[in-house]
Amino acid sequence: MKLGKILPAALLLASVGLSGFAVAETVAPDAVKFDEESVKASLTGAAGNAETGRKVFANRKQGNCLACHANKDLSSQPFHGEVGPPLDGVADRYDAANLRGILVNSKVALHEDTIMPSFYRLKNGERTAKKFIGKTILSADQVEDVLAYLQTLKSK
C-alpha cells in the first residue's frame, strides 16, 4: 500500500476515534465551585505537573510563594519568608481539594482577612498590584501545577 493511501486512512481513523472523547474546559475564575473551604474538581480537568509547579512556586514573578513561606525543598533559593507557615509537610496537613481551595481563593479557604493572595480570582482586594487588577495571578494550569508540587511536600 502506498503512503498516499495510508495517511488519509490513518487521519480518518484518528478523527473518528477521537470524536468520542470529551475535552475538559478550563473553569473560569468566577465559576470555581467551593465545597466549604475546598475545591474538589481540577480547574483544567487534568492533573498538574509537579516539576513545573515547583518552578512557578519559586519564581518571584509568578507564584512568589517563598516571599511568605519557608520550604526546605527550595533551600538553595534565598529569602524564604516567615509570614506564612512553613510548607514542609503541607501535603500531610491538607488534602488536594483543600490546597486547591487555598490557591484559588485564600479568602474563602482560610480567612477573609488573610494577606495571602488568591491566585485564581479576578478580584483580590485592596493590596492588588495594578498589573493584576481584573486578571488572575496564576493561570488554571499553573494552579494545578503548584498543587501537584505541594502534594510532593510530605514529612520525611
N, C-alpha and C. Protein backbone atom coordinates (compact mmCIF):
# COMPACT_ATOMS: atom_id res chain seq x y z
N MET A 1 0.84 -1.17 0.00
CA MET A 1 0.00 0.00 0.00
C MET A 1 0.89 1.24 0.00
N LYS A 2 0.52 2.23 -0.77
CA LYS A 2 1.30 3.45 -0.88
C LYS A 2 1.02 4.38 0.29
N LEU A 3 2.03 5.19 0.62
CA LEU A 3 1.92 6.14 1.72
C LEU A 3 0.75 7.10 1.50
N GLY A 4 0.48 7.47 0.25
CA GLY A 4 -0.61 8.39 -0.07
C GLY A 4 -1.96 7.86 0.34
N LYS A 5 -2.12 6.54 0.38
CA LYS A 5 -3.40 5.95 0.78
C LYS A 5 -3.43 5.68 2.29
N ILE A 6 -2.28 5.41 2.88
CA ILE A 6 -2.22 5.10 4.30
C ILE A 6 -2.49 6.35 5.15
N LEU A 7 -1.88 7.46 4.80
CA LEU A 7 -2.01 8.68 5.59
C LEU A 7 -3.45 9.17 5.71
N PRO A 8 -4.21 9.29 4.61
CA PRO A 8 -5.61 9.72 4.75
C PRO A 8 -6.44 8.73 5.58
N ALA A 9 -6.18 7.46 5.42
CA ALA A 9 -6.91 6.46 6.20
C ALA A 9 -6.59 6.59 7.68
N ALA A 10 -5.32 6.82 8.00
CA ALA A 10 -4.91 6.98 9.40
C ALA A 10 -5.54 8.23 10.01
N LEU A 11 -5.59 9.32 9.24
CA LEU A 11 -6.21 10.54 9.73
C LEU A 11 -7.70 10.36 9.97
N LEU A 12 -8.36 9.64 9.09
CA LEU A 12 -9.78 9.37 9.24
C LEU A 12 -10.03 8.55 10.50
N LEU A 13 -9.24 7.49 10.71
CA LEU A 13 -9.39 6.67 11.90
C LEU A 13 -9.13 7.48 13.17
N ALA A 14 -8.11 8.32 13.13
CA ALA A 14 -7.80 9.15 14.29
C ALA A 14 -8.93 10.11 14.60
N SER A 15 -9.50 10.74 13.60
CA SER A 15 -10.56 11.71 13.84
C SER A 15 -11.83 11.02 14.32
N VAL A 16 -12.14 9.85 13.80
CA VAL A 16 -13.31 9.10 14.26
C VAL A 16 -13.08 8.62 15.69
N GLY A 17 -11.88 8.12 15.96
CA GLY A 17 -11.56 7.61 17.30
C GLY A 17 -11.57 8.69 18.35
N LEU A 18 -11.09 9.87 18.02
CA LEU A 18 -11.03 10.96 18.99
C LEU A 18 -12.36 11.67 19.21
N SER A 19 -13.29 11.50 18.27
CA SER A 19 -14.55 12.22 18.39
C SER A 19 -15.37 11.76 19.59
N GLY A 20 -15.08 10.60 20.14
CA GLY A 20 -15.80 10.11 21.30
C GLY A 20 -15.29 10.65 22.62
N PHE A 21 -14.17 11.36 22.60
CA PHE A 21 -13.59 11.88 23.83
C PHE A 21 -14.02 13.31 24.06
N ALA A 22 -14.43 13.60 25.28
CA ALA A 22 -14.78 14.97 25.63
C ALA A 22 -13.52 15.68 26.13
N VAL A 23 -13.33 16.88 25.68
CA VAL A 23 -12.19 17.67 26.12
C VAL A 23 -12.67 18.57 27.26
N ALA A 24 -12.00 18.47 28.39
CA ALA A 24 -12.39 19.28 29.55
C ALA A 24 -12.04 20.74 29.30
N GLU A 25 -12.95 21.61 29.67
CA GLU A 25 -12.70 23.04 29.54
C GLU A 25 -12.17 23.58 30.86
N THR A 26 -11.36 24.61 30.77
CA THR A 26 -10.85 25.26 31.96
C THR A 26 -11.97 26.01 32.66
N VAL A 27 -12.04 25.87 33.97
CA VAL A 27 -13.05 26.56 34.76
C VAL A 27 -12.63 28.03 34.88
N ALA A 28 -13.54 28.92 34.56
CA ALA A 28 -13.27 30.36 34.68
C ALA A 28 -13.14 30.74 36.15
N PRO A 29 -12.35 31.77 36.46
CA PRO A 29 -12.14 32.16 37.86
C PRO A 29 -13.45 32.39 38.63
N ASP A 30 -14.41 33.02 38.01
CA ASP A 30 -15.66 33.33 38.70
C ASP A 30 -16.62 32.14 38.75
N ALA A 31 -16.26 31.03 38.13
CA ALA A 31 -17.13 29.85 38.09
C ALA A 31 -16.62 28.70 38.95
N VAL A 32 -15.53 28.91 39.68
CA VAL A 32 -14.97 27.86 40.53
C VAL A 32 -15.96 27.55 41.65
N LYS A 33 -16.26 26.28 41.83
CA LYS A 33 -17.21 25.84 42.85
C LYS A 33 -16.48 25.38 44.11
N PHE A 34 -16.78 26.04 45.21
CA PHE A 34 -16.21 25.67 46.50
C PHE A 34 -17.17 24.75 47.24
N ASP A 35 -16.63 23.77 47.91
CA ASP A 35 -17.36 22.93 48.84
C ASP A 35 -16.80 23.30 50.22
N GLU A 36 -17.41 24.26 50.86
CA GLU A 36 -16.90 24.90 52.06
C GLU A 36 -15.54 25.53 51.74
N GLU A 37 -14.44 25.02 52.31
CA GLU A 37 -13.12 25.61 52.07
C GLU A 37 -12.35 24.95 50.95
N SER A 38 -12.92 23.99 50.27
CA SER A 38 -12.14 23.23 49.30
C SER A 38 -12.74 23.30 47.90
N VAL A 39 -11.88 22.98 46.93
CA VAL A 39 -12.29 22.89 45.53
C VAL A 39 -11.89 21.49 45.07
N LYS A 40 -12.88 20.63 44.93
CA LYS A 40 -12.60 19.22 44.63
C LYS A 40 -12.16 18.98 43.19
N ALA A 41 -12.78 19.67 42.25
CA ALA A 41 -12.52 19.39 40.83
C ALA A 41 -11.33 20.19 40.31
N SER A 42 -10.54 19.54 39.48
CA SER A 42 -9.43 20.21 38.80
C SER A 42 -9.97 21.40 38.00
N LEU A 43 -9.21 22.46 37.97
CA LEU A 43 -9.61 23.64 37.19
C LEU A 43 -9.47 23.40 35.69
N THR A 44 -8.66 22.42 35.33
CA THR A 44 -8.37 22.16 33.92
C THR A 44 -8.88 20.80 33.45
N GLY A 45 -9.35 19.98 34.36
CA GLY A 45 -9.76 18.62 34.01
C GLY A 45 -8.60 17.65 33.96
N ALA A 46 -7.42 18.12 34.33
CA ALA A 46 -6.23 17.26 34.29
C ALA A 46 -5.36 17.55 35.50
N ALA A 47 -4.53 16.57 35.84
CA ALA A 47 -3.58 16.75 36.94
C ALA A 47 -2.47 17.70 36.50
N GLY A 48 -1.94 18.43 37.45
CA GLY A 48 -0.84 19.34 37.15
C GLY A 48 0.49 18.61 37.10
N ASN A 49 1.53 19.35 36.73
CA ASN A 49 2.88 18.84 36.63
C ASN A 49 3.69 19.39 37.81
N ALA A 50 4.14 18.50 38.69
CA ALA A 50 4.85 18.92 39.91
C ALA A 50 6.14 19.66 39.61
N GLU A 51 6.87 19.24 38.59
CA GLU A 51 8.13 19.90 38.25
C GLU A 51 7.89 21.35 37.79
N THR A 52 6.87 21.53 36.97
CA THR A 52 6.51 22.87 36.53
C THR A 52 5.99 23.69 37.71
N GLY A 53 5.22 23.06 38.58
CA GLY A 53 4.69 23.74 39.76
C GLY A 53 5.78 24.21 40.70
N ARG A 54 6.86 23.44 40.81
CA ARG A 54 8.00 23.83 41.65
C ARG A 54 8.63 25.11 41.11
N LYS A 55 8.71 25.22 39.79
CA LYS A 55 9.28 26.42 39.17
C LYS A 55 8.39 27.64 39.39
N VAL A 56 7.07 27.46 39.25
CA VAL A 56 6.13 28.55 39.48
C VAL A 56 6.19 28.99 40.95
N PHE A 57 6.22 28.01 41.84
CA PHE A 57 6.31 28.27 43.29
C PHE A 57 7.51 29.15 43.62
N ALA A 58 8.64 28.84 43.01
CA ALA A 58 9.89 29.54 43.33
C ALA A 58 10.07 30.84 42.56
N ASN A 59 9.34 31.04 41.48
CA ASN A 59 9.51 32.20 40.62
C ASN A 59 8.96 33.46 41.29
N ARG A 60 9.80 34.44 41.48
CA ARG A 60 9.41 35.69 42.15
C ARG A 60 8.40 36.50 41.33
N LYS A 61 8.28 36.23 40.04
CA LYS A 61 7.34 36.98 39.20
C LYS A 61 6.07 36.19 38.92
N GLN A 62 5.96 34.99 39.47
CA GLN A 62 4.74 34.19 39.29
C GLN A 62 4.12 33.92 40.66
N GLY A 63 4.30 32.72 41.18
CA GLY A 63 3.71 32.39 42.47
C GLY A 63 4.29 33.19 43.62
N ASN A 64 5.61 33.35 43.61
CA ASN A 64 6.33 34.08 44.66
C ASN A 64 6.00 33.55 46.05
N CYS A 65 5.77 32.25 46.14
CA CYS A 65 5.38 31.63 47.40
C CYS A 65 6.45 31.76 48.47
N LEU A 66 7.73 31.79 48.04
CA LEU A 66 8.82 31.88 49.00
C LEU A 66 8.88 33.24 49.71
N ALA A 67 8.18 34.21 49.19
CA ALA A 67 8.16 35.52 49.86
C ALA A 67 7.52 35.41 51.24
N CYS A 68 6.63 34.45 51.42
CA CYS A 68 5.93 34.29 52.70
C CYS A 68 6.17 32.95 53.38
N HIS A 69 6.53 31.93 52.60
CA HIS A 69 6.63 30.57 53.15
C HIS A 69 8.04 30.00 53.02
N ALA A 70 8.53 29.42 54.10
CA ALA A 70 9.78 28.66 54.05
C ALA A 70 9.47 27.28 53.46
N ASN A 71 10.47 26.71 52.80
CA ASN A 71 10.29 25.41 52.15
C ASN A 71 11.67 24.79 51.99
N LYS A 72 11.96 23.75 52.76
CA LYS A 72 13.28 23.13 52.73
C LYS A 72 13.64 22.57 51.36
N ASP A 73 12.65 22.15 50.59
CA ASP A 73 12.91 21.62 49.25
C ASP A 73 13.60 22.66 48.37
N LEU A 74 13.36 23.92 48.63
CA LEU A 74 13.95 25.00 47.83
C LEU A 74 14.97 25.79 48.66
N SER A 75 15.70 25.09 49.52
CA SER A 75 16.65 25.76 50.40
C SER A 75 17.76 26.47 49.63
N SER A 76 17.99 26.10 48.38
CA SER A 76 19.00 26.79 47.57
C SER A 76 18.54 28.18 47.13
N GLN A 77 17.24 28.44 47.20
CA GLN A 77 16.69 29.75 46.85
C GLN A 77 16.81 30.67 48.07
N PRO A 78 17.21 31.92 47.87
CA PRO A 78 17.34 32.84 49.02
C PRO A 78 16.01 33.44 49.45
N PHE A 79 16.02 34.03 50.62
CA PHE A 79 14.94 34.88 51.13
C PHE A 79 13.60 34.16 51.31
N HIS A 80 13.58 33.12 52.11
CA HIS A 80 12.32 32.48 52.47
C HIS A 80 11.61 33.35 53.50
N GLY A 81 10.32 33.53 53.30
CA GLY A 81 9.55 34.36 54.21
C GLY A 81 9.12 33.61 55.46
N GLU A 82 8.66 34.39 56.42
CA GLU A 82 8.19 33.83 57.68
C GLU A 82 6.79 34.32 58.03
N VAL A 83 6.13 34.95 57.07
CA VAL A 83 4.78 35.47 57.31
C VAL A 83 3.78 34.32 57.36
N GLY A 84 3.88 33.40 56.41
CA GLY A 84 3.01 32.24 56.37
C GLY A 84 3.70 31.04 56.99
N PRO A 85 2.97 29.97 57.21
CA PRO A 85 3.58 28.79 57.81
C PRO A 85 4.56 28.11 56.85
N PRO A 86 5.58 27.42 57.39
CA PRO A 86 6.47 26.65 56.52
C PRO A 86 5.64 25.60 55.76
N LEU A 87 6.03 25.33 54.54
CA LEU A 87 5.25 24.39 53.74
C LEU A 87 5.84 22.98 53.72
N ASP A 88 6.86 22.75 54.51
CA ASP A 88 7.37 21.39 54.66
C ASP A 88 6.26 20.54 55.26
N GLY A 89 5.95 19.42 54.63
CA GLY A 89 4.91 18.53 55.12
C GLY A 89 3.50 19.01 54.89
N VAL A 90 3.30 20.02 54.05
CA VAL A 90 1.95 20.56 53.83
C VAL A 90 1.00 19.51 53.26
N ALA A 91 1.50 18.56 52.49
CA ALA A 91 0.64 17.52 51.91
C ALA A 91 0.16 16.54 52.97
N ASP A 92 0.79 16.53 54.13
CA ASP A 92 0.31 15.71 55.24
C ASP A 92 -0.79 16.44 56.02
N ARG A 93 -0.81 17.75 55.93
CA ARG A 93 -1.77 18.56 56.69
C ARG A 93 -3.05 18.86 55.92
N TYR A 94 -2.94 18.93 54.60
CA TYR A 94 -4.09 19.29 53.76
C TYR A 94 -4.22 18.30 52.60
N ASP A 95 -5.45 17.99 52.22
CA ASP A 95 -5.62 17.17 51.03
C ASP A 95 -5.64 18.07 49.79
N ALA A 96 -5.68 17.45 48.63
CA ALA A 96 -5.59 18.21 47.37
C ALA A 96 -6.72 19.23 47.23
N ALA A 97 -7.93 18.87 47.61
CA ALA A 97 -9.07 19.79 47.48
C ALA A 97 -8.89 21.03 48.36
N ASN A 98 -8.38 20.84 49.58
CA ASN A 98 -8.13 21.99 50.46
C ASN A 98 -7.02 22.87 49.90
N LEU A 99 -5.94 22.26 49.44
CA LEU A 99 -4.83 23.04 48.88
C LEU A 99 -5.28 23.81 47.65
N ARG A 100 -6.08 23.17 46.80
CA ARG A 100 -6.58 23.87 45.61
C ARG A 100 -7.44 25.06 46.03
N GLY A 101 -8.28 24.88 47.04
CA GLY A 101 -9.11 25.97 47.53
C GLY A 101 -8.28 27.14 48.04
N ILE A 102 -7.21 26.83 48.77
CA ILE A 102 -6.33 27.88 49.29
C ILE A 102 -5.67 28.63 48.15
N LEU A 103 -5.21 27.92 47.13
CA LEU A 103 -4.58 28.57 45.98
C LEU A 103 -5.57 29.41 45.19
N VAL A 104 -6.76 28.88 44.96
CA VAL A 104 -7.75 29.58 44.15
C VAL A 104 -8.21 30.85 44.85
N ASN A 105 -8.68 30.72 46.09
CA ASN A 105 -9.22 31.88 46.80
C ASN A 105 -8.98 31.71 48.29
N SER A 106 -7.86 32.19 48.74
CA SER A 106 -7.48 32.05 50.14
C SER A 106 -8.47 32.72 51.09
N LYS A 107 -9.20 33.72 50.59
CA LYS A 107 -10.17 34.43 51.43
C LYS A 107 -11.34 33.53 51.82
N VAL A 108 -11.67 32.56 50.99
CA VAL A 108 -12.72 31.58 51.29
C VAL A 108 -12.13 30.40 52.04
N ALA A 109 -10.99 29.90 51.57
CA ALA A 109 -10.42 28.67 52.12
C ALA A 109 -9.74 28.85 53.47
N LEU A 110 -9.22 30.03 53.74
CA LEU A 110 -8.53 30.26 55.02
C LEU A 110 -9.33 31.21 55.89
N HIS A 111 -9.26 32.48 55.55
CA HIS A 111 -9.95 33.52 56.32
C HIS A 111 -10.01 34.77 55.46
N GLU A 112 -11.09 35.49 55.52
CA GLU A 112 -11.26 36.66 54.66
C GLU A 112 -10.21 37.75 54.90
N ASP A 113 -9.57 37.76 56.07
CA ASP A 113 -8.56 38.77 56.37
C ASP A 113 -7.13 38.31 56.11
N THR A 114 -6.94 37.11 55.56
CA THR A 114 -5.59 36.64 55.30
C THR A 114 -4.89 37.56 54.30
N ILE A 115 -3.59 37.71 54.47
CA ILE A 115 -2.85 38.52 53.50
C ILE A 115 -2.39 37.68 52.31
N MET A 116 -2.61 36.37 52.37
CA MET A 116 -2.26 35.53 51.23
C MET A 116 -3.13 35.90 50.04
N PRO A 117 -2.52 36.10 48.88
CA PRO A 117 -3.33 36.42 47.71
C PRO A 117 -4.14 35.22 47.23
N SER A 118 -5.20 35.50 46.57
CA SER A 118 -5.97 34.46 45.89
C SER A 118 -5.43 34.40 44.47
N PHE A 119 -4.85 33.27 44.10
CA PHE A 119 -4.12 33.19 42.85
C PHE A 119 -4.99 32.99 41.62
N TYR A 120 -6.24 32.56 41.81
CA TYR A 120 -7.11 32.35 40.65
C TYR A 120 -8.45 33.03 40.90
N ARG A 121 -8.37 34.32 41.02
CA ARG A 121 -9.54 35.15 41.29
C ARG A 121 -9.33 36.48 40.59
N LEU A 122 -10.39 37.04 40.05
CA LEU A 122 -10.26 38.30 39.33
C LEU A 122 -10.19 39.51 40.26
N LYS A 123 -10.80 39.40 41.43
CA LYS A 123 -10.77 40.50 42.40
C LYS A 123 -9.99 40.02 43.61
N ASN A 124 -8.92 40.74 43.96
CA ASN A 124 -8.03 40.28 45.01
C ASN A 124 -7.92 41.21 46.20
N GLY A 125 -8.73 42.19 46.29
CA GLY A 125 -8.69 43.05 47.47
C GLY A 125 -7.93 44.34 47.25
N GLU A 126 -7.71 45.06 48.34
CA GLU A 126 -7.15 46.40 48.30
C GLU A 126 -5.68 46.45 47.91
N ARG A 127 -4.91 45.41 48.24
CA ARG A 127 -3.47 45.46 48.00
C ARG A 127 -3.07 44.81 46.67
N THR A 128 -3.99 44.69 45.76
CA THR A 128 -3.69 44.05 44.49
C THR A 128 -2.80 44.94 43.64
N ALA A 129 -1.72 44.36 43.12
CA ALA A 129 -0.85 45.12 42.21
C ALA A 129 -1.65 45.50 40.97
N LYS A 130 -1.38 46.68 40.44
CA LYS A 130 -2.13 47.19 39.29
C LYS A 130 -2.13 46.23 38.11
N LYS A 131 -1.02 45.54 37.90
CA LYS A 131 -0.94 44.63 36.74
C LYS A 131 -1.87 43.43 36.88
N PHE A 132 -2.39 43.18 38.09
CA PHE A 132 -3.29 42.03 38.30
C PHE A 132 -4.75 42.44 38.45
N ILE A 133 -5.07 43.70 38.38
CA ILE A 133 -6.46 44.11 38.51
C ILE A 133 -7.25 43.57 37.32
N GLY A 134 -8.28 42.82 37.63
CA GLY A 134 -9.11 42.19 36.60
C GLY A 134 -8.49 40.96 35.96
N LYS A 135 -7.37 40.49 36.52
CA LYS A 135 -6.68 39.31 35.99
C LYS A 135 -6.36 38.38 37.14
N THR A 136 -6.13 37.13 36.82
CA THR A 136 -5.67 36.19 37.84
C THR A 136 -4.16 36.29 37.95
N ILE A 137 -3.63 35.96 39.13
CA ILE A 137 -2.19 35.96 39.33
C ILE A 137 -1.57 34.75 38.62
N LEU A 138 -2.22 33.61 38.75
CA LEU A 138 -1.78 32.39 38.07
C LEU A 138 -2.89 31.89 37.15
N SER A 139 -2.50 31.19 36.11
CA SER A 139 -3.49 30.56 35.24
C SER A 139 -4.02 29.29 35.91
N ALA A 140 -5.09 28.74 35.39
CA ALA A 140 -5.63 27.49 35.92
C ALA A 140 -4.58 26.38 35.85
N ASP A 141 -3.85 26.32 34.74
CA ASP A 141 -2.79 25.31 34.60
C ASP A 141 -1.72 25.49 35.67
N GLN A 142 -1.33 26.72 35.93
CA GLN A 142 -0.31 26.98 36.95
C GLN A 142 -0.79 26.62 38.34
N VAL A 143 -2.06 26.87 38.64
CA VAL A 143 -2.61 26.48 39.93
C VAL A 143 -2.53 24.96 40.09
N GLU A 144 -2.91 24.23 39.05
CA GLU A 144 -2.86 22.77 39.12
C GLU A 144 -1.41 22.28 39.22
N ASP A 145 -0.49 22.97 38.57
CA ASP A 145 0.93 22.60 38.67
C ASP A 145 1.46 22.84 40.07
N VAL A 146 1.16 24.00 40.66
CA VAL A 146 1.61 24.28 42.02
C VAL A 146 0.97 23.28 42.99
N LEU A 147 -0.28 22.97 42.78
CA LEU A 147 -0.94 21.96 43.62
C LEU A 147 -0.20 20.62 43.53
N ALA A 148 0.14 20.20 42.33
CA ALA A 148 0.88 18.94 42.16
C ALA A 148 2.21 19.00 42.91
N TYR A 149 2.88 20.14 42.86
CA TYR A 149 4.13 20.29 43.60
C TYR A 149 3.89 20.23 45.11
N LEU A 150 2.90 20.96 45.60
CA LEU A 150 2.62 20.97 47.03
C LEU A 150 2.32 19.56 47.54
N GLN A 151 1.69 18.75 46.71
CA GLN A 151 1.36 17.38 47.11
C GLN A 151 2.61 16.50 47.26
N THR A 152 3.75 16.97 46.76
CA THR A 152 5.01 16.22 46.95
C THR A 152 5.66 16.57 48.28
N LEU A 153 5.22 17.63 48.92
CA LEU A 153 5.84 18.10 50.16
C LEU A 153 5.26 17.37 51.36
N LYS A 154 5.80 16.20 51.60
CA LYS A 154 5.36 15.37 52.72
C LYS A 154 6.46 15.25 53.75
N SER A 155 6.08 14.98 54.99
CA SER A 155 7.07 14.78 56.04
C SER A 155 7.90 13.55 55.71
N LYS A 156 9.18 13.67 55.98
CA LYS A 156 10.06 12.54 55.62
C LYS A 156 10.53 11.82 56.84
